[in-house]
Amino acid sequence: MKALYVTLACVTGLLLMYGASEMPRWGDPSSPASTHVSPRYIEQSFKETEVPNMVTAVLADYRSYDTFGETTVVFTAGICCLLILGRLKEEKDR
């Protein structure tokens, strides 16, 4: 069974390396993000959102659902930590 897990991990690693080999180099000015996405955000963000800060415009308007999801996950993790720590303190006090 251990050999199956090692083989599965190796195959997964090879697939990930193959997929990463097709990605553009870091900071490549001819990558799709640099040639299509970034210029549009730079040129159109204020016109479309009326927010002077470009980072805020991208996070709050263009990626709002993604940002809300990340915030929800962090908030839930924080509440769970507080509940666990509070429960541990109650058990210690008893």
PDB file of N, CA and C in Angstrom:
ATOM      1  N   MET A   1       0.826  -1.194   0.000  1.00  0.00           N
ATOM      2  CA  MET A   1       0.000   0.000   0.000  1.00  0.00           C
ATOM      3  C   MET A   1       0.871   1.259   0.000  1.00  0.00           C
ATOM      4  N   LYS A   2       2.027   1.178   0.703  1.00  0.00           N
ATOM      5  CA  LYS A   2       2.929   2.320   0.753  1.00  0.00           C
ATOM      6  C   LYS A   2       3.467   2.645  -0.644  1.00  0.00           C
ATOM      7  N   ALA A   3       3.752   1.618  -1.430  1.00  0.00           N
ATOM      8  CA  ALA A   3       4.265   1.825  -2.789  1.00  0.00           C
ATOM      9  C   ALA A   3       3.221   2.537  -3.655  1.00  0.00           C
ATOM     10  N   LEU A   4       1.963   2.229  -3.446  1.00  0.00           N
ATOM     11  CA  LEU A   4       0.900   2.894  -4.195  1.00  0.00           C
ATOM     12  C   LEU A   4       0.868   4.390  -3.885  1.00  0.00           C
ATOM     13  N   TYR A   5       1.006   4.732  -2.610  1.00  0.00           N
ATOM     14  CA  TYR A   5       0.987   6.135  -2.206  1.00  0.00           C
ATOM     15  C   TYR A   5       2.199   6.885  -2.741  1.00  0.00           C
ATOM     16  N   VAL A   6       3.360   6.252  -2.703  1.00  0.00           N
ATOM     17  CA  VAL A   6       4.570   6.886  -3.222  1.00  0.00           C
ATOM     18  C   VAL A   6       4.441   7.093  -4.731  1.00  0.00           C
ATOM     19  N   THR A   7       3.928   6.092  -5.424  1.00  0.00           N
ATOM     20  CA  THR A   7       3.738   6.202  -6.869  1.00  0.00           C
ATOM     21  C   THR A   7       2.740   7.307  -7.197  1.00  0.00           C
ATOM     22  N   LEU A   8       1.643   7.364  -6.467  1.00  0.00           N
ATOM     23  CA  LEU A   8       0.637   8.400  -6.677  1.00  0.00           C
ATOM     24  C   LEU A   8       1.212   9.788  -6.422  1.00  0.00           C
ATOM     25  N   ALA A   9       2.016   9.922  -5.378  1.00  0.00           N
ATOM     26  CA  ALA A   9       2.641  11.216  -5.077  1.00  0.00           C
ATOM     27  C   ALA A   9       3.626  11.609  -6.181  1.00  0.00           C
ATOM     28  N   CYS A  10       4.391  10.662  -6.688  1.00  0.00           N
ATOM     29  CA  CYS A  10       5.344  10.952  -7.768  1.00  0.00           C
ATOM     30  C   CYS A  10       4.632  11.349  -9.059  1.00  0.00           C
ATOM     31  N   VAL A  11       3.561  10.640  -9.395  1.00  0.00           N
ATOM     32  CA  VAL A  11       2.796  10.973 -10.604  1.00  0.00           C
ATOM     33  C   VAL A  11       2.181  12.360 -10.472  1.00  0.00           C
ATOM     34  N   THR A  12       1.650  12.661  -9.304  1.00  0.00           N
ATOM     35  CA  THR A  12       1.067  13.987  -9.071  1.00  0.00           C
ATOM     36  C   THR A  12       2.137  15.066  -9.186  1.00  0.00           C
ATOM     37  N   GLY A  13       3.301  14.819  -8.599  1.00  0.00           N
ATOM     38  CA  GLY A  13       4.399  15.776  -8.694  1.00  0.00           C
ATOM     39  C   GLY A  13       4.841  16.001 -10.124  1.00  0.00           C
ATOM     40  N   LEU A  14       4.933  14.920 -10.904  1.00  0.00           N
ATOM     41  CA  LEU A  14       5.313  15.065 -12.314  1.00  0.00           C
ATOM     42  C   LEU A  14       4.269  15.859 -13.100  1.00  0.00           C
ATOM     43  N   LEU A  15       2.993  15.617 -12.833  1.00  0.00           N
ATOM     44  CA  LEU A  15       1.942  16.378 -13.508  1.00  0.00           C
ATOM     45  C   LEU A  15       2.000  17.872 -13.146  1.00  0.00           C
ATOM     46  N   LEU A  16       2.272  18.152 -11.891  1.00  0.00           N
ATOM     47  CA  LEU A  16       2.387  19.548 -11.471  1.00  0.00           C
ATOM     48  C   LEU A  16       3.587  20.227 -12.121  1.00  0.00           C
ATOM     49  N   MET A  17       4.717  19.523 -12.208  1.00  0.00           N
ATOM     50  CA  MET A  17       5.899  20.096 -12.862  1.00  0.00           C
ATOM     51  C   MET A  17       5.649  20.306 -14.353  1.00  0.00           C
ATOM     52  N   TYR A  18       4.948  19.383 -14.985  1.00  0.00           N
ATOM     53  CA  TYR A  18       4.616  19.544 -16.404  1.00  0.00           C
ATOM     54  C   TYR A  18       3.717  20.769 -16.610  1.00  0.00           C
ATOM     55  N   GLY A  19       2.719  20.909 -15.750  1.00  0.00           N
ATOM     56  CA  GLY A  19       1.829  22.065 -15.862  1.00  0.00           C
ATOM     57  C   GLY A  19       2.554  23.372 -15.592  1.00  0.00           C
ATOM     58  N   ALA A  20       3.476  23.374 -14.643  1.00  0.00           N
ATOM     59  CA  ALA A  20       4.218  24.596 -14.324  1.00  0.00           C
ATOM     60  C   ALA A  20       5.207  24.959 -15.420  1.00  0.00           C
ATOM     61  N   SER A  21       5.643  23.981 -16.202  1.00  0.00           N
ATOM     62  CA  SER A  21       6.592  24.284 -17.269  1.00  0.00           C
ATOM     63  C   SER A  21       5.955  25.118 -18.383  1.00  0.00           C
ATOM     64  N   GLU A  22       4.646  25.104 -18.481  1.00  0.00           N
ATOM     65  CA  GLU A  22       3.943  25.879 -19.501  1.00  0.00           C
ATOM     66  C   GLU A  22       3.625  27.310 -19.057  1.00  0.00           C
ATOM     67  N   MET A  23       3.896  27.616 -17.808  1.00  0.00           N
ATOM     68  CA  MET A  23       3.605  28.957 -17.298  1.00  0.00           C
ATOM     69  C   MET A  23       4.662  29.946 -17.788  1.00  0.00           C
ATOM     70  N   PRO A  24       4.286  31.219 -17.947  1.00  0.00           N
ATOM     71  CA  PRO A  24       5.284  32.217 -18.351  1.00  0.00           C
ATOM     72  C   PRO A  24       6.282  32.478 -17.225  1.00  0.00           C
ATOM     73  N   ARG A  25       7.464  32.950 -17.580  1.00  0.00           N
ATOM     74  CA  ARG A  25       8.495  33.253 -16.593  1.00  0.00           C
ATOM     75  C   ARG A  25       8.030  34.385 -15.691  1.00  0.00           C
ATOM     76  N   TRP A  26       8.551  34.419 -14.469  1.00  0.00           N
ATOM     77  CA  TRP A  26       8.193  35.454 -13.502  1.00  0.00           C
ATOM     78  C   TRP A  26       8.645  36.816 -14.026  1.00  0.00           C
ATOM     79  N   GLY A  27       7.733  37.770 -14.092  1.00  0.00           N
ATOM     80  CA  GLY A  27       8.039  39.109 -14.547  1.00  0.00           C
ATOM     81  C   GLY A  27       8.151  39.261 -16.052  1.00  0.00           C
ATOM     82  N   ASP A  28       7.717  38.263 -16.799  1.00  0.00           N
ATOM     83  CA  ASP A  28       7.792  38.311 -18.257  1.00  0.00           C
ATOM     84  C   ASP A  28       6.855  39.400 -18.779  1.00  0.00           C
ATOM     85  N   PRO A  29       7.385  40.417 -19.456  1.00  0.00           N
ATOM     86  CA  PRO A  29       6.520  41.496 -19.936  1.00  0.00           C
ATOM     87  C   PRO A  29       5.589  41.080 -21.077  1.00  0.00           C
ATOM     88  N   SER A  30       5.833  39.924 -21.683  1.00  0.00           N
ATOM     89  CA  SER A  30       4.955  39.477 -22.761  1.00  0.00           C
ATOM     90  C   SER A  30       3.952  38.417 -22.299  1.00  0.00           C
ATOM     91  N   SER A  31       3.820  38.228 -20.979  1.00  0.00           N
ATOM     92  CA  SER A  31       2.840  37.269 -20.463  1.00  0.00           C
ATOM     93  C   SER A  31       1.430  37.829 -20.626  1.00  0.00           C
ATOM     94  N   PRO A  32       0.415  36.963 -20.669  1.00  0.00           N
ATOM     95  CA  PRO A  32      -0.964  37.452 -20.842  1.00  0.00           C
ATOM     96  C   PRO A  32      -1.406  38.429 -19.751  1.00  0.00           C
ATOM     97  N   ALA A  33      -0.955  38.215 -18.518  1.00  0.00           N
ATOM     98  CA  ALA A  33      -1.352  39.128 -17.446  1.00  0.00           C
ATOM     99  C   ALA A  33      -0.767  40.519 -17.666  1.00  0.00           C
ATOM    100  N   SER A  34       0.437  40.584 -18.232  1.00  0.00           N
ATOM    101  CA  SER A  34       1.081  41.878 -18.458  1.00  0.00           C
ATOM    102  C   SER A  34       0.594  42.565 -19.729  1.00  0.00           C
ATOM    103  N   THR A  35       0.136  41.797 -20.697  1.00  0.00           N
ATOM    104  CA  THR A  35      -0.271  42.415 -21.956  1.00  0.00           C
ATOM    105  C   THR A  35      -1.767  42.690 -22.051  1.00  0.00           C
ATOM    106  N   HIS A  36      -2.585  41.998 -21.269  1.00  0.00           N
ATOM    107  CA  HIS A  36      -4.035  42.175 -21.386  1.00  0.00           C
ATOM    108  C   HIS A  36      -4.680  42.680 -20.097  1.00  0.00           C
ATOM    109  N   VAL A  37      -4.397  42.044 -18.994  1.00  0.00           N
ATOM    110  CA  VAL A  37      -5.111  42.348 -17.750  1.00  0.00           C
ATOM    111  C   VAL A  37      -4.601  43.636 -17.104  1.00  0.00           C
ATOM    112  N   SER A  38      -3.315  43.725 -16.865  1.00  0.00           N
ATOM    113  CA  SER A  38      -2.760  44.893 -16.167  1.00  0.00           C
ATOM    114  C   SER A  38      -3.032  46.210 -16.883  1.00  0.00           C
ATOM    115  N   PRO A  39      -2.793  46.293 -18.188  1.00  0.00           N
ATOM    116  CA  PRO A  39      -3.084  47.576 -18.846  1.00  0.00           C
ATOM    117  C   PRO A  39      -4.554  47.988 -18.743  1.00  0.00           C
ATOM    118  N   ARG A  40      -5.443  47.023 -18.795  1.00  0.00           N
ATOM    119  CA  ARG A  40      -6.870  47.359 -18.680  1.00  0.00           C
ATOM    120  C   ARG A  40      -7.177  47.902 -17.290  1.00  0.00           C
ATOM    121  N   TYR A  41      -6.649  47.265 -16.245  1.00  0.00           N
ATOM    122  CA  TYR A  41      -6.863  47.776 -14.893  1.00  0.00           C
ATOM    123  C   TYR A  41      -6.277  49.174 -14.740  1.00  0.00           C
ATOM    124  N   ILE A  42      -5.073  49.379 -15.264  1.00  0.00           N
ATOM    125  CA  ILE A  42      -4.412  50.678 -15.125  1.00  0.00           C
ATOM    126  C   ILE A  42      -5.198  51.763 -15.860  1.00  0.00           C
ATOM    127  N   GLU A  43      -5.663  51.471 -17.057  1.00  0.00           N
ATOM    128  CA  GLU A  43      -6.337  52.487 -17.873  1.00  0.00           C
ATOM    129  C   GLU A  43      -7.807  52.684 -17.510  1.00  0.00           C
ATOM    130  N   GLN A  44      -8.515  51.636 -17.125  1.00  0.00           N
ATOM    131  CA  GLN A  44      -9.962  51.719 -16.964  1.00  0.00           C
ATOM    132  C   GLN A  44     -10.464  51.701 -15.522  1.00  0.00           C
ATOM    133  N   SER A  45      -9.603  51.390 -14.540  1.00  0.00           N
ATOM    134  CA  SER A  45     -10.115  51.186 -13.181  1.00  0.00           C
ATOM    135  C   SER A  45     -10.796  52.430 -12.613  1.00  0.00           C
ATOM    136  N   PHE A  46     -10.207  53.608 -12.806  1.00  0.00           N
ATOM    137  CA  PHE A  46     -10.847  54.797 -12.252  1.00  0.00           C
ATOM    138  C   PHE A  46     -12.143  55.126 -12.967  1.00  0.00           C
ATOM    139  N   LYS A  47     -12.176  54.949 -14.275  1.00  0.00           N
ATOM    140  CA  LYS A  47     -13.399  55.236 -15.037  1.00  0.00           C
ATOM    141  C   LYS A  47     -14.537  54.299 -14.643  1.00  0.00           C
ATOM    142  N   GLU A  48     -14.220  53.045 -14.417  1.00  0.00           N
ATOM    143  CA  GLU A  48     -15.256  52.054 -14.124  1.00  0.00           C
ATOM    144  C   GLU A  48     -15.674  52.026 -12.656  1.00  0.00           C
ATOM    145  N   THR A  49     -14.750  52.348 -11.740  1.00  0.00           N
ATOM    146  CA  THR A  49     -15.060  52.201 -10.317  1.00  0.00           C
ATOM    147  C   THR A  49     -15.131  53.515  -9.560  1.00  0.00           C
ATOM    148  N   GLU A  50     -14.509  54.565 -10.095  1.00  0.00           N
ATOM    149  CA  GLU A  50     -14.415  55.867  -9.433  1.00  0.00           C
ATOM    150  C   GLU A  50     -13.715  55.780  -8.083  1.00  0.00           C
ATOM    151  N   VAL A  51     -12.773  54.847  -7.972  1.00  0.00           N
ATOM    152  CA  VAL A  51     -11.954  54.702  -6.775  1.00  0.00           C
ATOM    153  C   VAL A  51     -10.545  55.149  -7.144  1.00  0.00           C
ATOM    154  N   PRO A  52      -9.976  56.148  -6.428  1.00  0.00           N
ATOM    155  CA  PRO A  52      -8.665  56.662  -6.824  1.00  0.00           C
ATOM    156  C   PRO A  52      -7.510  55.682  -6.591  1.00  0.00           C
ATOM    157  N   ASN A  53      -7.634  54.793  -5.651  1.00  0.00           N
ATOM    158  CA  ASN A  53      -6.578  53.824  -5.377  1.00  0.00           C
ATOM    159  C   ASN A  53      -6.812  52.576  -6.222  1.00  0.00           C
ATOM    160  N   MET A  54      -5.861  52.248  -7.084  1.00  0.00           N
ATOM    161  CA  MET A  54      -6.040  51.145  -8.025  1.00  0.00           C
ATOM    162  C   MET A  54      -6.108  49.792  -7.309  1.00  0.00           C
ATOM    163  N   VAL A  55      -5.321  49.608  -6.252  1.00  0.00           N
ATOM    164  CA  VAL A  55      -5.340  48.338  -5.519  1.00  0.00           C
ATOM    165  C   VAL A  55      -6.709  48.125  -4.884  1.00  0.00           C
ATOM    166  N   THR A  56      -7.244  49.165  -4.279  1.00  0.00           N
ATOM    167  CA  THR A  56      -8.575  49.069  -3.681  1.00  0.00           C
ATOM    168  C   THR A  56      -9.627  48.794  -4.743  1.00  0.00           C
ATOM    169  N   ALA A  57      -9.501  49.404  -5.895  1.00  0.00           N
ATOM    170  CA  ALA A  57     -10.460  49.180  -6.979  1.00  0.00           C
ATOM    171  C   ALA A  57     -10.441  47.716  -7.429  1.00  0.00           C
ATOM    172  N   VAL A  58      -9.260  47.162  -7.558  1.00  0.00           N
ATOM    173  CA  VAL A  58      -9.164  45.766  -8.000  1.00  0.00           C
ATOM    174  C   VAL A  58      -9.729  44.836  -6.934  1.00  0.00           C
ATOM    175  N   LEU A  59      -9.340  45.045  -5.667  1.00  0.00           N
ATOM    176  CA  LEU A  59      -9.800  44.143  -4.607  1.00  0.00           C
ATOM    177  C   LEU A  59     -11.282  44.315  -4.291  1.00  0.00           C
ATOM    178  N   ALA A  60     -11.765  45.539  -4.288  1.00  0.00           N
ATOM    179  CA  ALA A  60     -13.141  45.777  -3.863  1.00  0.00           C
ATOM    180  C   ALA A  60     -14.159  45.648  -4.988  1.00  0.00           C
ATOM    181  N   ASP A  61     -13.763  45.925  -6.215  1.00  0.00           N
ATOM    182  CA  ASP A  61     -14.737  45.886  -7.306  1.00  0.00           C
ATOM    183  C   ASP A  61     -14.545  44.709  -8.246  1.00  0.00           C
ATOM    184  N   TYR A  62     -13.361  44.558  -8.794  1.00  0.00           N
ATOM    185  CA  TYR A  62     -13.146  43.496  -9.775  1.00  0.00           C
ATOM    186  C   TYR A  62     -13.101  42.113  -9.128  1.00  0.00           C
ATOM    187  N   ARG A  63     -12.504  42.009  -7.936  1.00  0.00           N
ATOM    188  CA  ARG A  63     -12.355  40.709  -7.297  1.00  0.00           C
ATOM    189  C   ARG A  63     -13.145  40.658  -5.983  1.00  0.00           C
ATOM    190  N   SER A  64     -14.290  41.289  -5.929  1.00  0.00           N
ATOM    191  CA  SER A  64     -15.018  41.415  -4.662  1.00  0.00           C
ATOM    192  C   SER A  64     -15.483  40.066  -4.119  1.00  0.00           C
ATOM    193  N   TYR A  65     -15.970  39.175  -4.972  1.00  0.00           N
ATOM    194  CA  TYR A  65     -16.420  37.874  -4.475  1.00  0.00           C
ATOM    195  C   TYR A  65     -15.256  37.063  -3.929  1.00  0.00           C
ATOM    196  N   ASP A  66     -14.125  37.112  -4.606  1.00  0.00           N
ATOM    197  CA  ASP A  66     -12.944  36.395  -4.151  1.00  0.00           C
ATOM    198  C   ASP A  66     -12.461  36.966  -2.820  1.00  0.00           C
ATOM    199  N   THR A  67     -12.407  38.294  -2.716  1.00  0.00           N
ATOM    200  CA  THR A  67     -11.973  38.938  -1.484  1.00  0.00           C
ATOM    201  C   THR A  67     -12.940  38.631  -0.347  1.00  0.00           C
ATOM    202  N   PHE A  68     -14.232  38.638  -0.639  1.00  0.00           N
ATOM    203  CA  PHE A  68     -15.223  38.310   0.392  1.00  0.00           C
ATOM    204  C   PHE A  68     -15.045  36.871   0.870  1.00  0.00           C
ATOM    205  N   GLY A  69     -14.779  35.958  -0.046  1.00  0.00           N
ATOM    206  CA  GLY A  69     -14.543  34.562   0.335  1.00  0.00           C
ATOM    207  C   GLY A  69     -13.315  34.414   1.212  1.00  0.00           C
ATOM    208  N   GLU A  70     -12.227  35.093   0.856  1.00  0.00           N
ATOM    209  CA  GLU A  70     -11.013  35.027   1.670  1.00  0.00           C
ATOM    210  C   GLU A  70     -11.253  35.620   3.051  1.00  0.00           C
ATOM    211  N   THR A  71     -11.965  36.728   3.110  1.00  0.00           N
ATOM    212  CA  THR A  71     -12.265  37.356   4.396  1.00  0.00           C
ATOM    213  C   THR A  71     -13.129  36.439   5.257  1.00  0.00           C
ATOM    214  N   THR A  72     -14.083  35.775   4.648  1.00  0.00           N
ATOM    215  CA  THR A  72     -14.939  34.846   5.379  1.00  0.00           C
ATOM    216  C   THR A  72     -14.136  33.689   5.949  1.00  0.00           C
ATOM    217  N   VAL A  73     -13.208  33.154   5.187  1.00  0.00           N
ATOM    218  CA  VAL A  73     -12.385  32.048   5.671  1.00  0.00           C
ATOM    219  C   VAL A  73     -11.523  32.491   6.847  1.00  0.00           C
ATOM    220  N   VAL A  74     -10.882  33.661   6.743  1.00  0.00           N
ATOM    221  CA  VAL A  74     -10.033  34.155   7.830  1.00  0.00           C
ATOM    222  C   VAL A  74     -10.872  34.447   9.076  1.00  0.00           C
ATOM    223  N   PHE A  75     -12.041  35.050   8.898  1.00  0.00           N
ATOM    224  CA  PHE A  75     -12.914  35.341  10.029  1.00  0.00           C
ATOM    225  C   PHE A  75     -13.363  34.049  10.715  1.00  0.00           C
ATOM    226  N   THR A  76     -13.770  33.056   9.934  1.00  0.00           N
ATOM    227  CA  THR A  76     -14.204  31.776  10.491  1.00  0.00           C
ATOM    228  C   THR A  76     -13.069  31.089  11.243  1.00  0.00           C
ATOM    229  N   ALA A  77     -11.869  31.119  10.700  1.00  0.00           N
ATOM    230  CA  ALA A  77     -10.716  30.520  11.378  1.00  0.00           C
ATOM    231  C   ALA A  77     -10.437  31.233  12.693  1.00  0.00           C
ATOM    232  N   GLY A  78     -10.540  32.554  12.698  1.00  0.00           N
ATOM    233  CA  GLY A  78     -10.320  33.306  13.936  1.00  0.00           C
ATOM    234  C   GLY A  78     -11.349  32.982  14.998  1.00  0.00           C
ATOM    235  N   ILE A  79     -12.612  32.910  14.607  1.00  0.00           N
ATOM    236  CA  ILE A  79     -13.673  32.566  15.563  1.00  0.00           C
ATOM    237  C   ILE A  79     -13.451  31.155  16.114  1.00  0.00           C
ATOM    238  N   CYS A  80     -13.080  30.209  15.254  1.00  0.00           N
ATOM    239  CA  CYS A  80     -12.827  28.835  15.707  1.00  0.00           C
ATOM    240  C   CYS A  80     -11.673  28.800  16.696  1.00  0.00           C
ATOM    241  N   CYS A  81     -10.617  29.553  16.427  1.00  0.00           N
ATOM    242  CA  CYS A  81      -9.490  29.599  17.370  1.00  0.00           C
ATOM    243  C   CYS A  81      -9.926  30.158  18.711  1.00  0.00           C
ATOM    244  N   LEU A  82     -10.713  31.224  18.700  1.00  0.00           N
ATOM    245  CA  LEU A  82     -11.199  31.796  19.954  1.00  0.00           C
ATOM    246  C   LEU A  82     -12.077  30.811  20.717  1.00  0.00           C
ATOM    247  N   LEU A  83     -12.937  30.099  20.005  1.00  0.00           N
ATOM    248  CA  LEU A  83     -13.800  29.115  20.669  1.00  0.00           C
ATOM    249  C   LEU A  83     -12.985  27.972  21.272  1.00  0.00           C
ATOM    250  N   ILE A  84     -11.998  27.489  20.531  1.00  0.00           N
ATOM    251  CA  ILE A  84     -11.163  26.395  21.037  1.00  0.00           C
ATOM    252  C   ILE A  84     -10.351  26.856  22.239  1.00  0.00           C
ATOM    253  N   LEU A  85      -9.746  28.038  22.154  1.00  0.00           N
ATOM    254  CA  LEU A  85      -8.957  28.540  23.280  1.00  0.00           C
ATOM    255  C   LEU A  85      -9.835  28.804  24.495  1.00  0.00           C
ATOM    256  N   GLY A  86     -11.046  29.310  24.261  1.00  0.00           N
ATOM    257  CA  GLY A  86     -11.962  29.543  25.374  1.00  0.00           C
ATOM    258  C   GLY A  86     -12.383  28.242  26.036  1.00  0.00           C
ATOM    259  N   ARG A  87     -12.608  27.216  25.257  1.00  0.00           N
ATOM    260  CA  ARG A  87     -12.988  25.912  25.792  1.00  0.00           C
ATOM    261  C   ARG A  87     -11.824  25.292  26.571  1.00  0.00           C
ATOM    262  N   LEU A  88     -10.613  25.446  26.063  1.00  0.00           N
ATOM    263  CA  LEU A  88      -9.447  24.915  26.764  1.00  0.00           C
ATOM    264  C   LEU A  88      -9.238  25.628  28.089  1.00  0.00           C
ATOM    265  N   LYS A  89      -9.480  26.936  28.130  1.00  0.00           N
ATOM    266  CA  LYS A  89      -9.327  27.688  29.381  1.00  0.00           C
ATOM    267  C   LYS A  89     -10.365  27.247  30.405  1.00  0.00           C
ATOM    268  N   GLU A  90     -11.615  26.997  29.945  1.00  0.00           N
ATOM    269  CA  GLU A  90     -12.658  26.535  30.866  1.00  0.00           C
ATOM    270  C   GLU A  90     -12.300  25.176  31.453  1.00  0.00           C
ATOM    271  N   GLU A  91     -11.775  24.284  30.653  1.00  0.00           N
ATOM    272  CA  GLU A  91     -11.394  22.950  31.135  1.00  0.00           C
ATOM    273  C   GLU A  91     -10.228  23.049  32.114  1.00  0.00           C
ATOM    274  N   LYS A  92      -9.318  23.989  31.875  1.00  0.00           N
ATOM    275  CA  LYS A  92      -8.168  24.142  32.753  1.00  0.00           C
ATOM    276  C   LYS A  92      -8.614  24.705  34.110  1.00  0.00           C
ATOM    277  N   ASP A  93      -9.593  25.613  34.108  1.00  0.00           N
ATOM    278  CA  ASP A  93     -10.084  26.225  35.338  1.00  0.00           C
ATOM    279  C   ASP A  93     -10.839  25.211  36.201  1.00  0.00           C
ATOM    280  N   ARG A  94     -11.430  24.197  35.619  1.00  0.00           N
ATOM    281  CA  ARG A  94     -12.188  23.203  36.378  1.00  0.00           C
ATOM    282  C   ARG A  94     -11.231  22.350  37.108  1.00  0.00           C
TER     283      ARG A  94
END
